[in-house]
N, C-alpha and C. Protein backbone atom coordinates (compact mmCIF):
# COMPACT_ATOMS: atom_id res chain seq x y z
N MET A 1 -21.52 -0.70 -2.90
CA MET A 1 -20.95 -1.32 -1.73
C MET A 1 -19.47 -0.94 -1.58
N LEU A 2 -18.74 -0.91 -2.70
CA LEU A 2 -17.32 -0.54 -2.64
C LEU A 2 -17.16 0.87 -2.09
N LEU A 3 -17.96 1.79 -2.59
CA LEU A 3 -17.86 3.18 -2.12
C LEU A 3 -18.20 3.28 -0.64
N ASP A 4 -19.21 2.54 -0.19
CA ASP A 4 -19.57 2.54 1.23
C ASP A 4 -18.41 2.01 2.08
N ARG A 5 -17.75 0.98 1.59
CA ARG A 5 -16.61 0.42 2.33
C ARG A 5 -15.44 1.41 2.36
N ILE A 6 -15.20 2.07 1.24
CA ILE A 6 -14.12 3.07 1.21
C ILE A 6 -14.41 4.18 2.21
N MET A 7 -15.66 4.63 2.26
CA MET A 7 -16.03 5.67 3.23
C MET A 7 -15.85 5.15 4.66
N GLY A 8 -16.18 3.89 4.89
CA GLY A 8 -15.98 3.29 6.21
C GLY A 8 -14.51 3.24 6.59
N VAL A 9 -13.65 2.98 5.60
CA VAL A 9 -12.20 2.97 5.85
C VAL A 9 -11.75 4.38 6.22
N PHE A 10 -12.22 5.38 5.49
CA PHE A 10 -11.85 6.76 5.81
C PHE A 10 -12.32 7.15 7.21
N LYS A 11 -13.44 6.58 7.64
CA LYS A 11 -13.95 6.84 8.99
C LYS A 11 -13.28 5.96 10.05
N LEU A 12 -12.41 5.05 9.59
CA LEU A 12 -11.72 4.10 10.47
C LEU A 12 -12.71 3.23 11.23
N ASP A 13 -13.79 2.85 10.55
CA ASP A 13 -14.86 2.04 11.14
C ASP A 13 -14.41 0.58 11.24
N ALA A 14 -14.21 0.11 12.44
CA ALA A 14 -13.75 -1.26 12.68
C ALA A 14 -14.71 -2.28 12.10
N ASN A 15 -16.01 -1.99 12.15
CA ASN A 15 -17.00 -2.93 11.62
C ASN A 15 -16.82 -3.17 10.12
N VAL A 16 -16.43 -2.13 9.41
CA VAL A 16 -16.20 -2.27 7.96
C VAL A 16 -15.01 -3.20 7.71
N PHE A 17 -13.94 -3.04 8.48
CA PHE A 17 -12.79 -3.92 8.32
C PHE A 17 -13.13 -5.37 8.67
N THR A 18 -13.96 -5.57 9.68
CA THR A 18 -14.39 -6.92 10.03
C THR A 18 -15.21 -7.53 8.90
N GLU A 19 -16.09 -6.73 8.32
CA GLU A 19 -16.90 -7.18 7.17
C GLU A 19 -16.00 -7.56 5.99
N ILE A 20 -15.02 -6.72 5.70
CA ILE A 20 -14.08 -6.97 4.60
C ILE A 20 -13.27 -8.24 4.88
N GLU A 21 -12.84 -8.40 6.10
CA GLU A 21 -12.05 -9.58 6.48
C GLU A 21 -12.78 -10.86 6.12
N HIS A 22 -14.08 -10.90 6.38
CA HIS A 22 -14.84 -12.14 6.20
C HIS A 22 -15.43 -12.31 4.80
N ASP A 23 -15.38 -11.28 3.97
CA ASP A 23 -15.96 -11.34 2.62
C ASP A 23 -14.87 -11.68 1.60
N GLN A 24 -14.81 -12.95 1.21
CA GLN A 24 -13.77 -13.37 0.27
C GLN A 24 -13.88 -12.67 -1.08
N ASP A 25 -15.07 -12.20 -1.43
CA ASP A 25 -15.25 -11.47 -2.69
C ASP A 25 -14.64 -10.06 -2.62
N ALA A 26 -14.30 -9.61 -1.43
CA ALA A 26 -13.72 -8.27 -1.28
C ALA A 26 -12.26 -8.20 -1.72
N THR A 27 -11.65 -9.33 -2.02
CA THR A 27 -10.25 -9.30 -2.47
C THR A 27 -10.13 -8.53 -3.79
N SER A 28 -11.07 -8.73 -4.69
CA SER A 28 -11.03 -7.99 -5.96
C SER A 28 -11.27 -6.50 -5.72
N GLN A 29 -12.12 -6.17 -4.77
CA GLN A 29 -12.33 -4.76 -4.43
C GLN A 29 -11.05 -4.15 -3.86
N ALA A 30 -10.36 -4.91 -3.02
CA ALA A 30 -9.10 -4.42 -2.46
C ALA A 30 -8.10 -4.18 -3.59
N ALA A 31 -8.06 -5.08 -4.56
CA ALA A 31 -7.15 -4.92 -5.70
C ALA A 31 -7.49 -3.67 -6.51
N ILE A 32 -8.77 -3.37 -6.64
CA ILE A 32 -9.19 -2.15 -7.36
C ILE A 32 -8.67 -0.91 -6.62
N ILE A 33 -8.79 -0.91 -5.31
CA ILE A 33 -8.30 0.22 -4.52
C ILE A 33 -6.79 0.37 -4.69
N VAL A 34 -6.07 -0.73 -4.60
CA VAL A 34 -4.62 -0.68 -4.77
C VAL A 34 -4.28 -0.21 -6.19
N ALA A 35 -5.05 -0.63 -7.19
CA ALA A 35 -4.81 -0.20 -8.57
C ALA A 35 -4.99 1.31 -8.72
N ILE A 36 -6.01 1.85 -8.09
CA ILE A 36 -6.24 3.31 -8.15
C ILE A 36 -5.09 4.04 -7.50
N VAL A 37 -4.69 3.58 -6.33
CA VAL A 37 -3.57 4.20 -5.62
C VAL A 37 -2.29 4.07 -6.44
N ALA A 38 -2.08 2.90 -7.04
CA ALA A 38 -0.89 2.66 -7.86
C ALA A 38 -0.85 3.62 -9.05
N PHE A 39 -1.99 3.80 -9.70
CA PHE A 39 -2.05 4.69 -10.86
C PHE A 39 -1.75 6.13 -10.46
N LEU A 40 -2.35 6.58 -9.36
CA LEU A 40 -2.10 7.95 -8.89
C LEU A 40 -0.64 8.14 -8.49
N ALA A 41 -0.09 7.16 -7.80
CA ALA A 41 1.32 7.24 -7.40
C ALA A 41 2.23 7.22 -8.62
N ALA A 42 1.89 6.41 -9.61
CA ALA A 42 2.69 6.31 -10.82
C ALA A 42 2.69 7.62 -11.60
N ILE A 43 1.55 8.26 -11.68
CA ILE A 43 1.49 9.57 -12.36
C ILE A 43 2.36 10.57 -11.63
N GLY A 44 2.22 10.62 -10.31
CA GLY A 44 3.03 11.55 -9.52
C GLY A 44 4.51 11.29 -9.66
N SER A 45 4.89 10.02 -9.63
CA SER A 45 6.30 9.65 -9.76
C SER A 45 6.82 9.99 -11.15
N GLY A 46 6.03 9.70 -12.16
CA GLY A 46 6.43 10.00 -13.53
C GLY A 46 6.58 11.48 -13.78
N VAL A 47 5.62 12.26 -13.32
CA VAL A 47 5.68 13.71 -13.50
C VAL A 47 6.86 14.29 -12.73
N GLY A 48 7.05 13.81 -11.50
CA GLY A 48 8.19 14.28 -10.70
C GLY A 48 9.51 14.01 -11.40
N ALA A 49 9.64 12.82 -11.97
CA ALA A 49 10.87 12.46 -12.69
C ALA A 49 11.04 13.32 -13.94
N ALA A 50 9.96 13.51 -14.67
CA ALA A 50 10.04 14.30 -15.90
C ALA A 50 10.42 15.75 -15.60
N MET A 51 9.94 16.27 -14.49
CA MET A 51 10.27 17.65 -14.12
C MET A 51 11.74 17.81 -13.74
N SER A 52 12.36 16.70 -13.33
CA SER A 52 13.77 16.76 -12.98
C SER A 52 14.62 16.08 -14.06
N GLU A 53 14.10 16.06 -15.26
CA GLU A 53 14.77 15.52 -16.44
C GLU A 53 15.04 14.02 -16.34
N GLY A 54 14.21 13.32 -15.58
CA GLY A 54 14.30 11.87 -15.50
C GLY A 54 13.33 11.23 -16.47
N SER A 55 13.17 9.95 -16.35
CA SER A 55 12.30 9.20 -17.25
C SER A 55 10.89 9.09 -16.69
N PHE A 56 9.93 9.72 -17.38
CA PHE A 56 8.54 9.59 -16.97
C PHE A 56 8.13 8.13 -17.03
N ILE A 57 8.40 7.47 -18.15
CA ILE A 57 7.96 6.09 -18.36
C ILE A 57 8.59 5.15 -17.34
N GLY A 58 9.89 5.25 -17.14
CA GLY A 58 10.56 4.37 -16.18
C GLY A 58 10.02 4.52 -14.78
N ASN A 59 9.88 5.75 -14.33
CA ASN A 59 9.37 5.99 -12.98
C ASN A 59 7.89 5.63 -12.86
N PHE A 60 7.12 5.92 -13.91
CA PHE A 60 5.70 5.57 -13.92
C PHE A 60 5.54 4.06 -13.77
N LEU A 61 6.25 3.30 -14.60
CA LEU A 61 6.13 1.84 -14.57
C LEU A 61 6.62 1.25 -13.25
N PHE A 62 7.75 1.74 -12.77
CA PHE A 62 8.28 1.23 -11.51
C PHE A 62 7.28 1.47 -10.38
N SER A 63 6.76 2.67 -10.29
CA SER A 63 5.82 3.01 -9.22
C SER A 63 4.54 2.19 -9.33
N LEU A 64 4.06 2.00 -10.55
CA LEU A 64 2.85 1.23 -10.77
C LEU A 64 3.02 -0.22 -10.29
N VAL A 65 4.11 -0.82 -10.69
CA VAL A 65 4.38 -2.21 -10.32
C VAL A 65 4.72 -2.31 -8.83
N TRP A 66 5.54 -1.38 -8.35
CA TRP A 66 5.97 -1.44 -6.94
C TRP A 66 4.80 -1.35 -5.97
N THR A 67 3.78 -0.59 -6.28
CA THR A 67 2.64 -0.46 -5.38
C THR A 67 1.97 -1.82 -5.17
N PHE A 68 1.82 -2.58 -6.24
CA PHE A 68 1.24 -3.92 -6.10
C PHE A 68 2.16 -4.87 -5.34
N ILE A 69 3.44 -4.82 -5.66
CA ILE A 69 4.40 -5.66 -4.95
C ILE A 69 4.39 -5.31 -3.46
N ALA A 70 4.37 -4.01 -3.16
CA ALA A 70 4.37 -3.56 -1.76
C ALA A 70 3.11 -4.04 -1.04
N TRP A 71 1.97 -4.06 -1.72
CA TRP A 71 0.73 -4.56 -1.11
C TRP A 71 0.89 -6.02 -0.70
N PHE A 72 1.44 -6.83 -1.60
CA PHE A 72 1.65 -8.24 -1.28
C PHE A 72 2.69 -8.42 -0.16
N ILE A 73 3.77 -7.68 -0.25
CA ILE A 73 4.81 -7.78 0.78
C ILE A 73 4.26 -7.32 2.13
N TRP A 74 3.60 -6.16 2.15
CA TRP A 74 3.04 -5.60 3.38
C TRP A 74 2.03 -6.57 4.00
N SER A 75 1.18 -7.15 3.16
CA SER A 75 0.20 -8.12 3.65
C SER A 75 0.89 -9.36 4.19
N GLY A 76 1.89 -9.85 3.48
CA GLY A 76 2.62 -11.04 3.92
C GLY A 76 3.40 -10.82 5.20
N VAL A 77 4.06 -9.67 5.28
CA VAL A 77 4.84 -9.36 6.48
C VAL A 77 3.92 -9.20 7.68
N THR A 78 2.81 -8.48 7.52
CA THR A 78 1.90 -8.31 8.66
C THR A 78 1.26 -9.63 9.05
N TYR A 79 0.98 -10.47 8.05
CA TYR A 79 0.45 -11.81 8.36
C TYR A 79 1.47 -12.60 9.17
N PHE A 80 2.71 -12.61 8.72
CA PHE A 80 3.77 -13.36 9.40
C PHE A 80 4.00 -12.82 10.81
N VAL A 81 4.17 -11.50 10.94
CA VAL A 81 4.43 -10.90 12.26
C VAL A 81 3.23 -11.10 13.18
N GLY A 82 2.04 -10.81 12.67
CA GLY A 82 0.85 -10.90 13.51
C GLY A 82 0.54 -12.31 13.98
N THR A 83 0.71 -13.29 13.11
CA THR A 83 0.38 -14.67 13.50
C THR A 83 1.49 -15.33 14.30
N ASN A 84 2.74 -15.02 13.98
CA ASN A 84 3.86 -15.69 14.65
C ASN A 84 4.29 -15.01 15.95
N LEU A 85 4.38 -13.70 15.95
CA LEU A 85 4.83 -13.00 17.16
C LEU A 85 3.70 -12.74 18.14
N PHE A 86 2.51 -12.43 17.60
CA PHE A 86 1.42 -12.00 18.47
C PHE A 86 0.23 -12.95 18.48
N LYS A 87 0.39 -14.10 17.83
CA LYS A 87 -0.62 -15.16 17.83
C LYS A 87 -1.98 -14.69 17.31
N GLY A 88 -1.95 -13.82 16.29
CA GLY A 88 -3.18 -13.38 15.65
C GLY A 88 -3.84 -14.51 14.88
N ASP A 89 -5.11 -14.34 14.59
CA ASP A 89 -5.88 -15.36 13.88
C ASP A 89 -6.32 -14.79 12.54
N ALA A 90 -5.61 -15.17 11.47
CA ALA A 90 -5.95 -14.67 10.13
C ALA A 90 -5.31 -15.57 9.10
N ASP A 91 -5.75 -15.40 7.86
CA ASP A 91 -5.05 -16.06 6.75
C ASP A 91 -4.58 -14.97 5.79
N MET A 92 -3.80 -15.36 4.82
CA MET A 92 -3.22 -14.38 3.90
C MET A 92 -4.29 -13.62 3.12
N GLY A 93 -5.36 -14.30 2.74
CA GLY A 93 -6.45 -13.63 2.02
C GLY A 93 -7.08 -12.52 2.84
N GLU A 94 -7.27 -12.77 4.11
CA GLU A 94 -7.84 -11.74 4.98
C GLU A 94 -6.91 -10.54 5.07
N MET A 95 -5.61 -10.80 5.17
CA MET A 95 -4.65 -9.70 5.24
C MET A 95 -4.62 -8.91 3.94
N LEU A 96 -4.66 -9.60 2.81
CA LEU A 96 -4.69 -8.90 1.52
C LEU A 96 -5.91 -7.98 1.43
N ARG A 97 -7.05 -8.47 1.90
CA ARG A 97 -8.28 -7.66 1.83
C ARG A 97 -8.21 -6.43 2.73
N VAL A 98 -7.91 -6.65 4.01
CA VAL A 98 -7.96 -5.50 4.93
C VAL A 98 -6.84 -4.50 4.64
N ILE A 99 -5.65 -5.00 4.28
CA ILE A 99 -4.55 -4.09 3.96
C ILE A 99 -4.84 -3.36 2.65
N GLY A 100 -5.39 -4.06 1.67
CA GLY A 100 -5.75 -3.40 0.41
C GLY A 100 -6.72 -2.26 0.63
N PHE A 101 -7.71 -2.48 1.46
CA PHE A 101 -8.66 -1.40 1.76
C PHE A 101 -7.99 -0.28 2.56
N ALA A 102 -7.02 -0.63 3.41
CA ALA A 102 -6.32 0.40 4.20
C ALA A 102 -5.51 1.33 3.30
N TYR A 103 -5.27 0.94 2.06
CA TYR A 103 -4.59 1.81 1.09
C TYR A 103 -5.48 2.98 0.65
N ALA A 104 -6.79 2.88 0.83
CA ALA A 104 -7.74 3.87 0.30
C ALA A 104 -7.38 5.33 0.61
N PRO A 105 -6.99 5.67 1.84
CA PRO A 105 -6.66 7.08 2.10
C PRO A 105 -5.50 7.62 1.25
N GLN A 106 -4.69 6.73 0.69
CA GLN A 106 -3.60 7.20 -0.17
C GLN A 106 -4.12 7.80 -1.48
N MET A 107 -5.41 7.64 -1.75
CA MET A 107 -6.01 8.30 -2.91
C MET A 107 -5.93 9.81 -2.76
N LEU A 108 -5.76 10.28 -1.54
CA LEU A 108 -5.63 11.72 -1.30
C LEU A 108 -4.36 12.30 -1.92
N SER A 109 -3.48 11.44 -2.39
CA SER A 109 -2.23 11.92 -3.01
C SER A 109 -2.50 12.73 -4.27
N ILE A 110 -3.71 12.67 -4.76
CA ILE A 110 -4.07 13.48 -5.93
C ILE A 110 -4.11 14.97 -5.56
N ILE A 111 -4.23 15.26 -4.29
CA ILE A 111 -4.25 16.65 -3.82
C ILE A 111 -2.80 17.15 -3.74
N PRO A 112 -2.49 18.23 -4.45
CA PRO A 112 -1.10 18.73 -4.44
C PRO A 112 -0.61 19.11 -3.03
N CYS A 113 0.65 19.07 -2.87
CA CYS A 113 1.39 19.46 -1.66
C CYS A 113 1.24 18.47 -0.52
N PHE A 114 0.14 18.50 0.20
CA PHE A 114 0.02 17.72 1.42
C PHE A 114 -0.83 16.47 1.30
N GLY A 115 -1.41 16.22 0.13
CA GLY A 115 -2.29 15.06 -0.05
C GLY A 115 -1.60 13.75 0.23
N SER A 116 -0.37 13.61 -0.25
CA SER A 116 0.37 12.36 -0.04
C SER A 116 0.70 12.16 1.44
N LEU A 117 1.10 13.21 2.10
CA LEU A 117 1.44 13.12 3.52
C LEU A 117 0.21 12.75 4.35
N ILE A 118 -0.87 13.46 4.14
CA ILE A 118 -2.10 13.20 4.89
C ILE A 118 -2.62 11.80 4.58
N GLY A 119 -2.65 11.45 3.30
CA GLY A 119 -3.11 10.12 2.90
C GLY A 119 -2.25 9.01 3.46
N GLY A 120 -0.94 9.23 3.47
CA GLY A 120 -0.02 8.23 4.00
C GLY A 120 -0.22 7.99 5.49
N ILE A 121 -0.36 9.07 6.25
CA ILE A 121 -0.58 8.95 7.70
C ILE A 121 -1.93 8.29 7.97
N TRP A 122 -2.95 8.74 7.25
CA TRP A 122 -4.29 8.19 7.42
C TRP A 122 -4.30 6.69 7.08
N SER A 123 -3.58 6.33 6.02
CA SER A 123 -3.48 4.94 5.61
C SER A 123 -2.76 4.09 6.66
N LEU A 124 -1.76 4.66 7.27
CA LEU A 124 -1.04 3.96 8.33
C LEU A 124 -1.96 3.70 9.53
N ILE A 125 -2.75 4.69 9.89
CA ILE A 125 -3.71 4.51 10.98
C ILE A 125 -4.78 3.49 10.59
N ALA A 126 -5.23 3.56 9.34
CA ALA A 126 -6.21 2.58 8.84
C ALA A 126 -5.61 1.17 8.88
N SER A 127 -4.31 1.07 8.62
CA SER A 127 -3.65 -0.24 8.67
C SER A 127 -3.69 -0.82 10.09
N ILE A 128 -3.55 0.02 11.07
CA ILE A 128 -3.61 -0.45 12.46
C ILE A 128 -5.00 -1.02 12.75
N VAL A 129 -6.04 -0.29 12.34
CA VAL A 129 -7.40 -0.77 12.54
C VAL A 129 -7.63 -2.05 11.74
N ALA A 130 -7.13 -2.06 10.49
CA ALA A 130 -7.30 -3.23 9.62
C ALA A 130 -6.64 -4.47 10.22
N ILE A 131 -5.43 -4.31 10.70
CA ILE A 131 -4.69 -5.44 11.26
C ILE A 131 -5.32 -5.89 12.57
N ARG A 132 -5.75 -4.95 13.38
CA ARG A 132 -6.42 -5.30 14.64
C ARG A 132 -7.66 -6.16 14.36
N GLU A 133 -8.46 -5.73 13.41
CA GLU A 133 -9.68 -6.47 13.09
C GLU A 133 -9.36 -7.75 12.33
N GLY A 134 -8.42 -7.68 11.40
CA GLY A 134 -8.07 -8.85 10.61
C GLY A 134 -7.41 -9.96 11.41
N MET A 135 -6.62 -9.58 12.41
CA MET A 135 -5.91 -10.55 13.25
C MET A 135 -6.70 -10.93 14.50
N ASP A 136 -7.75 -10.18 14.77
CA ASP A 136 -8.57 -10.43 15.96
C ASP A 136 -7.76 -10.33 17.25
N PHE A 137 -6.99 -9.23 17.34
CA PHE A 137 -6.30 -8.98 18.59
C PHE A 137 -6.38 -7.50 18.96
N ASP A 138 -5.75 -7.10 20.08
CA ASP A 138 -5.91 -5.75 20.59
C ASP A 138 -5.07 -4.73 19.82
N SER A 139 -5.33 -3.47 20.12
CA SER A 139 -4.67 -2.36 19.40
C SER A 139 -3.17 -2.33 19.64
N THR A 140 -2.70 -2.68 20.83
CA THR A 140 -1.27 -2.67 21.11
C THR A 140 -0.53 -3.64 20.19
N LYS A 141 -1.06 -4.85 20.06
CA LYS A 141 -0.45 -5.83 19.17
C LYS A 141 -0.52 -5.35 17.72
N ALA A 142 -1.60 -4.69 17.36
CA ALA A 142 -1.73 -4.17 16.00
C ALA A 142 -0.69 -3.09 15.72
N VAL A 143 -0.48 -2.20 16.68
CA VAL A 143 0.53 -1.15 16.52
C VAL A 143 1.92 -1.75 16.36
N PHE A 144 2.25 -2.72 17.20
CA PHE A 144 3.58 -3.36 17.08
C PHE A 144 3.71 -4.15 15.78
N THR A 145 2.64 -4.77 15.34
CA THR A 145 2.67 -5.48 14.06
C THR A 145 2.94 -4.49 12.93
N VAL A 146 2.28 -3.34 12.97
CA VAL A 146 2.50 -2.31 11.94
C VAL A 146 3.93 -1.78 12.01
N LEU A 147 4.42 -1.47 13.21
CA LEU A 147 5.77 -0.92 13.34
C LEU A 147 6.84 -1.90 12.84
N ILE A 148 6.75 -3.13 13.27
CA ILE A 148 7.72 -4.14 12.85
C ILE A 148 7.60 -4.37 11.34
N GLY A 149 6.36 -4.51 10.88
CA GLY A 149 6.12 -4.71 9.45
C GLY A 149 6.61 -3.54 8.61
N TRP A 150 6.36 -2.33 9.09
CA TRP A 150 6.76 -1.13 8.34
C TRP A 150 8.27 -1.08 8.20
N ILE A 151 8.98 -1.40 9.27
CA ILE A 151 10.45 -1.40 9.22
C ILE A 151 10.95 -2.41 8.19
N ILE A 152 10.39 -3.61 8.20
CA ILE A 152 10.80 -4.63 7.24
C ILE A 152 10.51 -4.19 5.81
N VAL A 153 9.32 -3.68 5.57
CA VAL A 153 8.94 -3.23 4.22
C VAL A 153 9.80 -2.04 3.79
N PHE A 154 10.09 -1.14 4.70
CA PHE A 154 10.94 0.01 4.38
C PHE A 154 12.32 -0.44 3.92
N ILE A 155 12.90 -1.38 4.65
CA ILE A 155 14.22 -1.89 4.28
C ILE A 155 14.16 -2.59 2.92
N LEU A 156 13.13 -3.41 2.72
CA LEU A 156 12.97 -4.09 1.43
C LEU A 156 12.80 -3.09 0.29
N SER A 157 12.05 -2.01 0.54
CA SER A 157 11.84 -1.03 -0.53
C SER A 157 13.13 -0.30 -0.87
N ILE A 158 13.98 -0.05 0.10
CA ILE A 158 15.27 0.58 -0.18
C ILE A 158 16.14 -0.35 -1.02
N VAL A 159 16.19 -1.61 -0.61
CA VAL A 159 17.01 -2.58 -1.34
C VAL A 159 16.47 -2.77 -2.77
N LEU A 160 15.17 -3.04 -2.87
CA LEU A 160 14.59 -3.25 -4.20
C LEU A 160 14.60 -1.97 -5.03
N GLY A 161 14.38 -0.84 -4.39
CA GLY A 161 14.43 0.44 -5.10
C GLY A 161 15.81 0.71 -5.66
N SER A 162 16.83 0.34 -4.91
CA SER A 162 18.20 0.52 -5.39
C SER A 162 18.48 -0.36 -6.59
N VAL A 163 18.05 -1.61 -6.50
CA VAL A 163 18.28 -2.54 -7.61
C VAL A 163 17.49 -2.11 -8.84
N PHE A 164 16.18 -1.88 -8.65
CA PHE A 164 15.35 -1.52 -9.79
C PHE A 164 15.56 -0.08 -10.24
N GLY A 165 16.04 0.75 -9.33
CA GLY A 165 16.35 2.14 -9.70
C GLY A 165 17.43 2.19 -10.75
N LEU A 166 18.37 1.29 -10.65
CA LEU A 166 19.41 1.21 -11.67
C LEU A 166 18.80 0.82 -13.01
N GLY A 167 17.82 -0.09 -12.96
CA GLY A 167 17.11 -0.47 -14.19
C GLY A 167 16.34 0.69 -14.77
N ALA A 168 15.71 1.49 -13.91
CA ALA A 168 14.97 2.66 -14.38
C ALA A 168 15.91 3.69 -15.00
N MET A 169 17.11 3.81 -14.40
CA MET A 169 18.09 4.74 -14.98
C MET A 169 18.51 4.26 -16.36
N GLY A 170 18.69 2.96 -16.52
CA GLY A 170 19.05 2.40 -17.83
C GLY A 170 17.94 2.62 -18.84
N LEU A 171 16.69 2.41 -18.40
CA LEU A 171 15.54 2.64 -19.28
C LEU A 171 15.47 4.10 -19.67
N SER A 172 15.75 4.97 -18.72
CA SER A 172 15.76 6.41 -19.00
C SER A 172 16.81 6.77 -20.04
N ALA A 173 17.99 6.18 -19.91
CA ALA A 173 19.05 6.45 -20.88
C ALA A 173 18.66 5.97 -22.27
N ILE A 174 18.04 4.79 -22.33
CA ILE A 174 17.62 4.26 -23.63
C ILE A 174 16.52 5.11 -24.25
N THR A 175 15.52 5.48 -23.46
CA THR A 175 14.41 6.26 -24.01
C THR A 175 14.85 7.67 -24.38
N SER A 176 15.84 8.23 -23.68
CA SER A 176 16.30 9.58 -24.03
C SER A 176 17.10 9.54 -25.33
N GLN A 177 17.75 8.42 -25.62
CA GLN A 177 18.49 8.28 -26.88
C GLN A 177 17.53 8.09 -28.06
N LEU A 178 16.36 7.49 -27.79
CA LEU A 178 15.39 7.26 -28.86
C LEU A 178 14.60 8.53 -29.17
N GLY A 179 14.46 9.40 -28.16
CA GLY A 179 13.63 10.60 -28.34
C GLY A 179 14.46 11.70 -28.79
């Protein structure tokens, strides 16, 4: 069932997102998808850092944790924007499920060069479908919810990345002294 739902997300099938929205057991499936994406992103971040003489471990751990934090923030922000600005009908659990599944195309980041770009764009489009179905409103409201939410999350990621980036640099300095 999980694989069928992932394929439905890749096809941007609105019916799959509606099914996910209403299936409370799908929250754990959404978490599995986010975990896979987090692991792939963490490997890429760690390898990228190691290639530029940075800390593999620091970047790996930050990316792994940040992906989960971003899922919760993204779900919360879209819930807040969608329900308050556009009068959508959803609860936080529904947003966690549909947004978690919308992360699935980011699994394409395993493909070198363009996988992350293609997966990111596809995931953004999947988020629009997810939010439209999860909030039970039209595509225009879903697009604006995504745009407003994306801006908020982007700003938060810069702020948190700056704060935690300093921590990762400190971890890198410590681990390089031990090795």
